[in-house]
Protein backbone atom coordinates (compact mmCIF):
# COMPACT_ATOMS: atom_id res chain seq x y z
CA MET A 1 88.20 111.36 82.41
CA LYS A 2 86.43 110.71 85.58
CA GLU A 3 83.16 112.40 85.54
CA THR A 4 82.98 115.32 87.54
CA THR A 5 79.80 116.67 90.86
CA LYS A 6 77.31 116.97 88.88
CA GLY A 7 77.46 114.83 86.61
CA ARG A 8 75.79 111.62 85.73
CA LEU A 9 77.31 108.37 86.69
CA ALA A 10 79.12 107.19 83.68
CA PRO A 11 78.21 103.77 81.19
CA LYS A 12 78.88 101.07 82.79
CA ALA A 13 81.02 99.97 79.18
CA VAL A 14 83.62 103.16 80.75
CA TYR A 15 83.06 101.98 84.48
CA TYR A 16 84.56 98.19 83.21
CA LYS A 17 87.26 99.86 80.80
CA ARG A 18 88.92 101.83 83.79
CA ILE A 19 88.37 98.20 85.63
CA LYS A 20 90.59 97.11 82.42
CA LYS A 21 93.13 99.72 82.41
CA ASN A 22 93.98 99.54 86.22
CA VAL A 23 94.25 95.47 85.92
CA PHE A 24 96.48 95.74 83.63
CA ILE A 25 98.80 98.34 85.56
CA ALA A 26 99.05 95.84 88.97
CA ALA A 27 99.77 93.26 86.53
CA ALA A 28 101.89 94.80 85.45
CA ILE A 29 103.59 96.66 88.82
CA MET A 30 103.21 92.67 89.80
CA LEU A 31 105.70 91.11 86.95
CA VAL A 32 108.32 93.73 87.86
CA SER A 33 107.79 93.19 91.17
CA LEU A 34 108.62 89.57 90.60
CA ALA A 35 111.53 90.35 88.01
CA ILE A 36 112.75 92.26 90.07
CA GLY A 37 113.12 89.80 92.72
CA ILE A 38 113.47 86.37 91.13
CA VAL A 39 116.55 88.40 89.33
CA GLY A 40 118.08 89.72 93.00
CA TYR A 41 117.47 86.90 94.36
CA LYS A 42 119.52 84.29 91.83
CA THR A 43 122.60 87.14 92.15
CA THR A 44 122.63 87.90 95.99
CA ILE A 45 121.76 83.96 97.05
CA PRO A 46 123.64 81.55 94.46
CA GLN A 47 122.85 78.14 96.43
CA PHE A 48 119.28 79.43 94.61
CA ASP A 49 118.46 78.45 90.71
CA TRP A 50 116.02 80.24 90.21
CA TYR A 51 112.95 77.84 90.71
CA ASP A 52 114.37 78.78 93.81
CA SER A 53 114.28 82.38 93.27
CA LEU A 54 111.18 82.33 91.77
CA LEU A 55 109.68 80.79 94.76
CA ASN A 56 111.62 82.79 97.55
CA ALA A 57 110.50 86.05 95.46
CA SER A 58 106.17 85.66 95.07
CA MET A 59 105.87 84.32 98.32
CA ILE A 60 107.68 87.41 99.88
CA LEU A 61 106.27 89.29 96.94
CA SER A 62 101.75 88.29 98.19
CA GLY A 63 102.96 88.61 101.54
CA MET A 64 103.44 84.67 102.36
CA GLY A 65 107.21 85.27 103.25
CA PRO A 66 110.39 83.85 102.69
CA VAL A 67 110.98 79.77 102.11
CA ILE A 68 114.64 79.11 102.57
CA GLU A 69 115.66 75.67 103.04
CA ASN A 70 117.84 73.66 106.04
CA GLY A 71 121.81 74.69 105.14
CA ILE A 72 121.61 77.82 103.45
CA VAL A 73 123.23 80.38 104.94
CA LEU A 74 122.74 83.85 103.60
CA SER A 75 125.39 86.02 102.82
CA LYS A 76 125.45 89.79 104.55
CA SER A 77 124.88 91.07 100.35
CA GLY A 78 122.00 88.00 100.48
CA LYS A 79 120.29 89.78 103.93
CA VAL A 80 119.64 93.25 102.71
CA PHE A 81 118.98 92.57 99.69
CA ALA A 82 115.70 89.93 101.74
CA SER A 83 114.90 92.17 103.59
CA ALA A 84 115.13 95.77 101.38
CA TYR A 85 112.74 93.56 99.32
CA ALA A 86 110.47 91.99 101.99
CA LEU A 87 109.76 96.40 102.41
CA PHE A 88 109.51 97.34 98.88
CA SER A 89 106.81 93.46 97.89
CA GLY A 90 104.30 95.48 101.61
CA ILE A 91 104.06 98.41 99.59
CA THR A 92 104.13 97.18 95.89
CA PHE A 93 101.02 94.79 97.63
CA LEU A 94 98.98 97.44 99.05
CA SER A 95 99.60 100.10 96.67
CA THR A 96 98.35 97.12 93.73
CA PHE A 97 95.63 96.43 95.78
CA SER A 98 94.35 100.00 95.85
CA ILE A 99 95.79 100.41 91.82
CA LEU A 100 92.50 97.74 91.37
CA ILE A 101 90.09 99.11 93.79
CA ALA A 102 90.16 102.51 92.75
CA PRO A 103 87.62 102.19 89.76
CA VAL A 104 85.36 100.82 92.41
CA ILE A 105 85.59 103.61 95.21
CA HIS A 106 85.88 105.77 93.14
CA ARG A 107 82.32 104.90 91.06
CA PHE A 108 81.01 103.99 95.29
CA PHE A 109 82.08 107.28 96.60
CA HIS A 110 80.38 109.05 93.41
CA ARG A 111 76.96 106.99 93.72
CA ILE A 112 76.35 108.15 97.00
CA HIS A 113 77.39 112.30 95.73
CA LEU A 114 74.09 111.57 93.09
CA GLU A 115 71.71 110.02 95.92
CA ASP A 116 72.34 113.41 98.32
CA ASN A 117 72.20 115.85 95.73
CA ASN A 118 68.35 114.66 94.96
């Protein structure tokens, strides 16, 4: 339960518990997203082994871009997957960052609001 605008600031123990919960949720989202990318790259690009799939999925998910070696030509399904995964990864990255920063921003604004009321 979040604080009300008239209530006191939550104790640090509650605040840290919220941060831990959000870190866990963000990590779970990133792991599931990474697994989707690994399996997708492995199934759509037959030249990729599991390590190549992991490398490309993690690089796309982090926003760095794909790492495709010279000589590998992507099939149409590989190009479609890579495009869709890149869009998905951008949204996932921003959403995960929002989940991580939400308790900090909430506490910051709540503290400002309490100071304005005094």
